[in-house]
Amino acid sequence: MSAKNVRRNKSGMKIFLIPDFAFIGENMALLDEEVKNCLDRNDLRLVIDCELVPYIDSEGLEKLLEYYNQIRKKGGSLEIFNPNPLCNEILNITRITDYIDIYFNLEKEGGASYEGRSPN
């Protein structure tokens, strides 16, 4: 089994956190630490890139809402980027999308790409 990891990238004013594990139980401690580090540094425009996240359970959903509330209290924003179809369905069914915006990197004709909001 590979080691679980959260990469961190900065693009403009946004900090991208890129986890490579399912959002379940004890796995969330890794993301907790990264979100806390961002809050401590006043990096308040966070994007969680979920491209490598295979699944989200109820504890993962609770944590996402907890992050959203912590960041909003400090005047920041949280977005989710590129969830796979299963995770996107989970986020939509549970109405997390009522709070957290979801964006996708969508391919256009000719190979160009753009960032678009969830169609749901």
Protein backbone atom coordinates (compact mmCIF):
# COMPACT_ATOMS: atom_id res chain seq x y z
CA MET A 1 0.00 0.00 0.00
CA SER A 2 1.38 3.41 -0.93
CA ALA A 3 1.95 6.17 1.60
CA LYS A 4 -0.87 8.69 1.85
CA ASN A 5 0.10 12.23 1.00
CA VAL A 6 -1.24 15.77 0.62
CA ARG A 7 0.66 17.86 -1.91
CA ARG A 8 0.39 21.62 -1.78
CA ASN A 9 0.55 24.06 -4.71
CA LYS A 10 -0.06 27.78 -4.95
CA SER A 11 -1.74 29.40 -7.94
CA GLY A 12 -2.18 33.15 -7.58
CA MET A 13 -3.93 33.75 -4.26
CA LYS A 14 -5.27 30.18 -4.03
CA ILE A 15 -3.67 27.29 -2.20
CA PHE A 16 -4.38 23.90 -3.77
CA LEU A 17 -4.30 20.92 -1.43
CA ILE A 18 -4.00 17.69 -3.42
CA PRO A 19 -4.67 14.57 -1.31
CA ASP A 20 -4.13 11.10 -2.76
CA PHE A 21 -6.38 9.07 -0.45
CA ALA A 22 -10.03 8.35 0.30
CA PHE A 23 -11.75 10.83 2.61
CA ILE A 24 -12.54 8.31 5.31
CA GLY A 25 -11.89 8.01 9.04
CA GLU A 26 -8.29 8.32 10.13
CA ASN A 27 -7.15 9.49 6.68
CA MET A 28 -8.68 12.89 7.40
CA ALA A 29 -5.98 13.66 10.00
CA LEU A 30 -3.55 14.28 7.12
CA LEU A 31 -5.84 16.84 5.54
CA ASP A 32 -6.68 18.32 8.97
CA GLU A 33 -3.02 19.14 9.45
CA GLU A 34 -2.69 20.84 6.06
CA VAL A 35 -5.86 22.90 6.51
CA LYS A 36 -4.69 23.94 10.00
CA ASN A 37 -1.30 24.98 8.58
CA CYS A 38 -3.03 27.10 5.93
CA LEU A 39 -5.26 28.77 8.53
CA ASP A 40 -2.25 29.45 10.77
CA ARG A 41 -0.49 31.19 7.83
CA ASN A 42 -3.68 33.09 6.86
CA ASP A 43 -3.80 31.29 3.52
CA LEU A 44 -7.57 31.58 3.35
CA ARG A 45 -8.41 30.79 -0.28
CA LEU A 46 -8.24 27.01 -0.30
CA VAL A 47 -9.02 24.57 -3.07
CA ILE A 48 -9.11 20.86 -2.33
CA ASP A 49 -8.21 19.06 -5.56
CA CYS A 50 -10.03 15.72 -5.35
CA GLU A 51 -8.82 14.21 -8.61
CA LEU A 52 -6.96 11.45 -6.70
CA VAL A 53 -9.67 10.94 -4.04
CA PRO A 54 -11.47 7.67 -4.82
CA TYR A 55 -14.24 7.89 -2.20
CA ILE A 56 -15.77 10.11 0.50
CA ASP A 57 -17.62 8.70 3.52
CA SER A 58 -19.76 10.48 6.13
CA GLU A 59 -16.74 11.39 8.26
CA GLY A 60 -15.03 12.89 5.22
CA LEU A 61 -18.16 14.93 4.46
CA GLU A 62 -18.29 16.19 8.05
CA LYS A 63 -14.66 17.24 7.83
CA LEU A 64 -15.26 19.14 4.58
CA LEU A 65 -18.06 21.09 6.27
CA GLU A 66 -15.84 21.68 9.30
CA TYR A 67 -13.10 23.09 7.04
CA TYR A 68 -15.66 25.26 5.26
CA ASN A 69 -16.88 26.72 8.57
CA GLN A 70 -13.36 27.31 9.93
CA ILE A 71 -12.24 29.06 6.75
CA ARG A 72 -15.41 31.16 6.43
CA LYS A 73 -15.07 32.35 10.06
CA LYS A 74 -11.70 33.82 9.08
CA GLY A 75 -13.12 35.44 5.94
CA GLY A 76 -11.80 32.90 3.46
CA SER A 77 -13.20 30.53 0.89
CA LEU A 78 -13.11 26.80 0.20
CA GLU A 79 -13.66 25.12 -3.16
CA ILE A 80 -13.53 21.53 -4.33
CA PHE A 81 -11.88 20.81 -7.67
CA ASN A 82 -12.09 17.80 -10.00
CA PRO A 83 -13.94 15.17 -7.94
CA ASN A 84 -14.42 11.87 -9.76
CA PRO A 85 -18.00 10.98 -10.79
CA LEU A 86 -18.68 8.93 -7.63
CA CYS A 87 -17.39 11.65 -5.28
CA ASN A 88 -19.25 14.31 -7.24
CA GLU A 89 -22.48 12.31 -6.87
CA ILE A 90 -21.88 11.92 -3.12
CA LEU A 91 -21.24 15.66 -2.76
CA ASN A 92 -24.39 16.50 -4.70
CA ILE A 93 -26.70 13.96 -3.02
CA THR A 94 -25.61 15.11 0.44
CA ARG A 95 -26.01 18.75 -0.62
CA ILE A 96 -22.49 19.74 0.34
CA THR A 97 -22.72 21.77 -2.85
CA ASP A 98 -25.15 24.08 -1.04
CA TYR A 99 -22.08 25.32 0.86
CA ILE A 100 -18.94 24.43 -1.08
CA ASP A 101 -18.56 25.20 -4.78
CA ILE A 102 -17.29 22.41 -7.00
CA TYR A 103 -15.26 23.12 -10.13
CA PHE A 104 -13.92 20.95 -12.93
CA ASN A 105 -11.13 21.31 -15.44
CA LEU A 106 -13.17 20.76 -18.58
CA GLU A 107 -11.71 20.00 -22.01
CA LYS A 108 -13.02 22.07 -24.91
CA GLU A 109 -12.76 21.34 -28.61
CA GLY A 110 -9.25 21.85 -29.93
CA GLY A 111 -7.61 20.72 -26.68
CA ALA A 112 -8.12 23.97 -24.77
CA SER A 113 -9.33 23.66 -21.21
CA TYR A 114 -11.19 25.90 -18.84
CA GLU A 115 -12.38 25.78 -15.29
CA GLY A 116 -16.11 25.27 -15.05
CA ARG A 117 -18.59 24.90 -12.23
CA SER A 118 -20.34 21.65 -11.45
CA PRO A 119 -23.27 21.11 -13.80
CA ASN A 120 -25.42 19.84 -10.89
